[in-house]
Structures are given as C-alpha cells and as structure tokens.
Amino acid sequence: MNAEIMQPPQLSIGRLLLLGVSSVILCVSFVMSVFAPFPLALAFILYGRKKGFLIGVLGLVLSFLFATMIHRDLTLFGFYIGVFIFGAGISEIVSRGISPVKGLVTFGIGFILLISGGFLSMVKSENVTVEQFILKQIEMSSDKLAEQKKLIEQSNQENAIEVLQLLDRPDLIAKEMLEALPGYFFIGVFIMLWFNMFLVLKSRRLLFAGNDYPYSEKNLLNFKVPFGFVILLVVGLILAIWGNEIGMQYSEVLGYTIIKCLGIFYFFQGFGVFSDLLNFLGIGGLFRALIVMIVIFIANYLIAAAGLFDNWFDFRKYFVKPKNED
C-alpha cells in the first residue's frame, strides 16, 4: 500500500509492541537486517521519545535473550544496539525538521568517530597494536573457527582449499580484517542510515498527517556530492594504484578505503539518477522493484560510476520528455 494515501494509524499499545518485535525479527533475518531501524524510528516518531525508548529497550532484551539462548554469541545483541541508536537518530533528524542529507552525514560521521574512538581506546588499554588485538580476538574464537573448517571440508565449494588455508593462518585473517573493516564499516553505516531514512520520508504522510513536513524522499534522491571531493577521490586512486611504489605503510589500503568511503556517496547520487531514469521510462510497480534490487546487488559499481560522472554530464537533463505541440 502506498504510504502517501494511508490514513493515520491508531496508536495502540499492540501496534507499538509490534514495531519493537518487527525490528528484532528484521535484525535476526540477516538479509533484511539493514531495515531493522525503520520500525524503531516509526515508534519514536509516532509514540514519542519515552515510549520509543521503552520499546527499544524491549528490543534489546529480546535480542539479548535470542543471542545468548540460541546463537550463544552476543554479536546479534551488539548489532541491535546499533539498530536502536540508528532508529533514535533518524527519528530525531525527522522530528526536529533537520535537512535529511545534512542530518545523515552529521549523524553518520559522528557515530563512526564515536565507535572508532571507543575501539582505539580499548586497544590502547591492552597495550597492543590494532592488528595484535584483532589476532587475539580470532585466537579466542578458535573453537568456532574449527567448526567452520569442518563445515567447509564437508562442502563442495570450489574455493574450499583456499578458504581452509586462510583459516589456518590467523595472522593473515587479522591483516585482511584490518585492511578491509574500516571501509566496509563506513559503507555499512551509511547504507543503513540512507535506506531507513528513505523509508521514513516515504511514509511522511502517514507519520505527519495534517502537518506540513518540508522534506520528502526526493531530498535524498537529489543528493549530490560536492564537486571538490573528486580531488580526494583522485588521491585515493593514486594511493590504491601506486601505493606500494610510494613506500608508505598502508598507503595502498588507505587509497582503497578512501575510494570505498567516497564510493558510497557517489552511489547515493547515482541511485537518484537511476531512479529518475526509471521514472522517465515509465517503469513502476513490482517490475521496478525487481530492477532496483538486481541493479543494487549486481551493478552497484555502475550506479556509483553514474553518480561520479553526473558531476560533469548532468544526466537528468536528458530525462525530460518533450512537450506535445498544439
């Protein structure tokens, strides 16, 4: 059902509980976990901060019980803490009438700096390097690695031998995690924030019935990366390609991290261009949803490239249908 024409919901306790449980179910589902903050954001906006906070605490309790009794691993609980923070943060951006783009960028960077600072403080307290800290955590999970190795040995995966060789080298795993995690963490944070903010803005008529809310999902779809960031992208490309020749430690890793971090913003810009292209072609409904899902999962690099080159070519000017002459 289109959220634009929906009537304001009855704010019952049952609906509030349903929102909290839905966020936990989405979190547990893994594939759909990226959308887990959306129900919490709805709870905060519809029911207010106090009830939203209480339903978020309920979600924390449920995720903790699920993590300890079924998974026997607190990773799910830790992830849900982030979901809780994202849901509350998105609701504050919307409720305070802050520009969605400005709010997401500020909140996302603040969250990343907070988590990074906490992680580095933890590493420093143990008087080890980041790589040594990661290696220590891997060694503490040796039992789980052994179980994973057995599963891989029993499978018929084509790259099973390479994976098994990697699992026998915790030092290599630690090195690869150190190189890859910063970029993927940055991408993950902004993907979750962007998609959940998009859903909230898409539901603005449901959430703000009778109120003139100044922003919509179009503010996210018309997102543009400042042109000056192209210079930083060029620096990242130089470091990624010629980093080893420069001789700086981790210069190549730094280059790839810069590309990943900027790439997610160019992806958002390209996604807006792609959405306008689908509108221009008159593609909608289920077929549109399928195309969007396929492109996101298979051709996300092309979307990011479209966002980058949109700075020079302004693709949207080609998506204007000519007016019929009288």
Foldseek 3Di string as FASTA:
>chain_A
DQLQPDAADDPDPVLLLVLLVVLLVLLVVVVSNLQSLQSLLLSCLQVHDVSSVVSLVVSLVVQCCCCCVPVVHCPSSVVSVVSSVLSVQLNCCQVVLHQLVVSLVVVLVVVLVVVVVVVVVVCVVVVDDQLVVQLVVLVVCVVVLVVVLVVLVPDDDPCSVVVNVVSVPSSVVSVVCVLPVLLVVLLSSSSSNLVSSLVCQSNVCNSPPPDDRPDHSVSQLQDADPLVCVVVLVCLVCQLVCVVVVPDPCSNSSSVSSNSNVLSSLLSNLVSVVVLQCVLVVDDDPVVVVVVVCCVVPVSSVSSVSSNCCVPVVNNVVSDDDDDDD
